[in-house]
Protein backbone atom coordinates (compact mmCIF):
# COMPACT_ATOMS: atom_id res chain seq x y z
CA MET A 1 -10.43 -12.74 10.55
CA GLU A 2 -10.12 -11.88 6.52
CA LYS A 3 -11.00 -8.02 6.49
CA ASP A 4 -13.52 -7.04 2.99
CA LEU A 5 -12.19 -8.96 -0.21
CA SER A 6 -13.50 -5.70 -2.57
CA LEU A 7 -10.53 -3.21 -1.93
CA ASP A 8 -9.97 -2.01 -5.06
CA VAL A 9 -8.18 1.43 -4.23
CA PHE A 10 -6.55 3.15 -1.07
CA GLU A 11 -4.84 6.15 -0.58
CA LEU A 12 -1.52 7.16 0.76
CA ARG A 13 -1.68 10.48 3.17
CA ARG A 14 1.62 11.91 3.83
CA HIS A 15 1.97 13.78 7.08
CA VAL A 16 3.84 16.67 6.65
CA ASP A 17 2.06 18.26 3.31
CA ASP A 18 -0.70 16.50 3.18
CA LEU A 19 0.08 15.43 -0.98
CA VAL A 20 -2.02 12.25 -1.43
CA TYR A 21 -1.10 8.64 -3.75
CA ARG A 22 -3.64 7.04 -4.79
CA PHE A 23 -3.22 3.53 -5.49
CA ARG A 24 -5.22 0.60 -7.21
CA ARG A 25 -5.54 -3.27 -7.79
CA ALA A 26 -3.59 -4.93 -10.63
CA MET A 27 -2.04 -7.86 -11.94
CA GLY A 28 2.01 -7.50 -11.08
CA PRO A 29 5.27 -8.44 -13.54
CA THR A 30 5.22 -11.75 -11.70
CA GLY A 31 1.35 -12.52 -11.52
CA GLN A 32 0.96 -11.78 -8.10
CA ILE A 33 -2.14 -9.25 -7.09
CA GLY A 34 -0.64 -5.94 -5.90
CA PHE A 35 -1.70 -2.23 -5.93
CA LYS A 36 0.12 0.09 -8.35
CA ARG A 37 0.36 4.13 -7.63
CA GLU A 38 -1.75 5.76 -10.32
CA ASP A 39 1.00 8.61 -11.31
CA SER A 40 3.85 5.91 -11.65
CA ASP A 41 5.10 2.27 -11.51
CA PHE A 42 5.39 2.12 -7.51
CA TRP A 43 3.93 -1.03 -6.05
CA ILE A 44 2.45 -2.47 -2.83
CA TYR A 45 2.21 -5.96 -2.63
CA ARG A 46 2.29 -8.45 -0.22
CA HIS A 47 5.63 -10.16 0.27
CA THR A 48 5.36 -13.87 1.41
CA HIS A 49 7.76 -13.04 4.25
CA LEU A 50 7.26 -9.53 5.37
CA GLY A 51 3.91 -9.33 4.49
CA TRP A 52 2.47 -5.87 2.44
CA ILE A 53 4.99 -3.50 1.95
CA GLN A 54 6.28 -0.94 -0.57
CA ALA A 55 9.32 -2.34 -2.14
CA GLU A 56 10.24 -3.25 -6.26
CA TRP A 57 8.76 -6.92 -7.85
CA GLY A 58 11.71 -9.58 -7.09
CA ARG A 59 14.17 -7.49 -4.75
CA ASP A 60 14.25 -7.62 -1.41
CA GLU A 61 14.97 -4.15 -0.75
CA VAL A 62 11.54 -2.65 1.07
CA TYR A 63 10.99 1.30 0.69
CA GLY A 64 7.45 1.69 2.92
CA ARG A 65 5.52 -0.58 5.56
CA PRO A 66 2.90 0.05 8.12
CA TRP A 67 4.20 1.16 10.80
CA ASP A 68 2.75 -1.66 13.34
CA GLN A 69 3.88 -4.88 12.42
CA LEU A 70 2.23 -6.81 15.31
CA ALA A 71 -1.23 -5.89 13.56
CA GLU A 72 -3.11 -8.68 12.00
CA GLN A 73 -2.82 -8.60 8.32
CA SER A 74 -5.39 -9.04 5.56
CA LYS A 75 -4.27 -11.16 2.22
CA ALA A 76 -7.03 -8.91 0.50
CA GLY A 77 -5.27 -5.77 0.85
CA PRO A 78 -2.31 -4.04 2.78
CA PRO A 79 -4.00 -2.36 6.26
CA GLU A 80 -5.37 0.56 7.20
CA GLY A 81 -3.39 3.45 10.16
CA ILE A 82 0.46 4.50 9.88
CA TRP A 83 2.69 3.97 7.35
CA VAL A 84 6.39 4.73 7.07
CA ASN A 85 8.27 5.24 3.66
CA ARG A 86 11.79 6.34 2.87
CA LYS A 87 13.22 7.85 -0.02
CA ALA A 88 16.69 8.54 -0.36
CA SER A 89 17.80 10.09 2.63
CA LYS A 90 14.46 11.07 4.18
CA SER A 91 11.69 9.27 5.95
CA TYR A 92 7.74 10.42 5.76
CA VAL A 93 4.77 8.93 7.69
CA TYR A 94 1.58 8.51 5.75
CA ASP A 95 -2.04 7.41 6.85
CA LEU A 96 -2.97 4.35 4.29
CA VAL A 97 -6.97 4.45 4.26
CA HIS A 98 -9.17 2.57 2.26
CA VAL A 99 -11.05 3.96 -0.04
CA PRO A 100 -14.98 2.36 0.06
CA SER A 101 -15.69 0.85 -3.28
CA GLY A 102 -18.89 2.78 -4.60
CA SER A 103 -17.42 6.01 -3.68
CA GLU A 104 -16.78 8.68 -6.07
CA TRP A 105 -13.00 8.25 -5.73
CA ALA A 106 -12.67 4.45 -6.09
CA SER A 107 -13.99 5.98 -9.66
């Protein structure tokens, strides 16, 4: 079943230190819609074979993905829930949380 198609903003909330990264819907460099982190050039987009991932456009190196790979994934946006991410030799666990359209946090 397709989820809400109006997803424009979501947050990745890091478990270890409560750091929050906000992502907004944007047009990627290939013309594909993805979600760009507000403070840098990091993207989460829907890969043809892998589903929603955090990666660089045009490369197959994955930096983050949903922990539950068996869950159904909407084409509209990445699934809420636990995401895992790696940065160099470190790994982090996040909660991906959709920010409702029209909320003060979506502005």
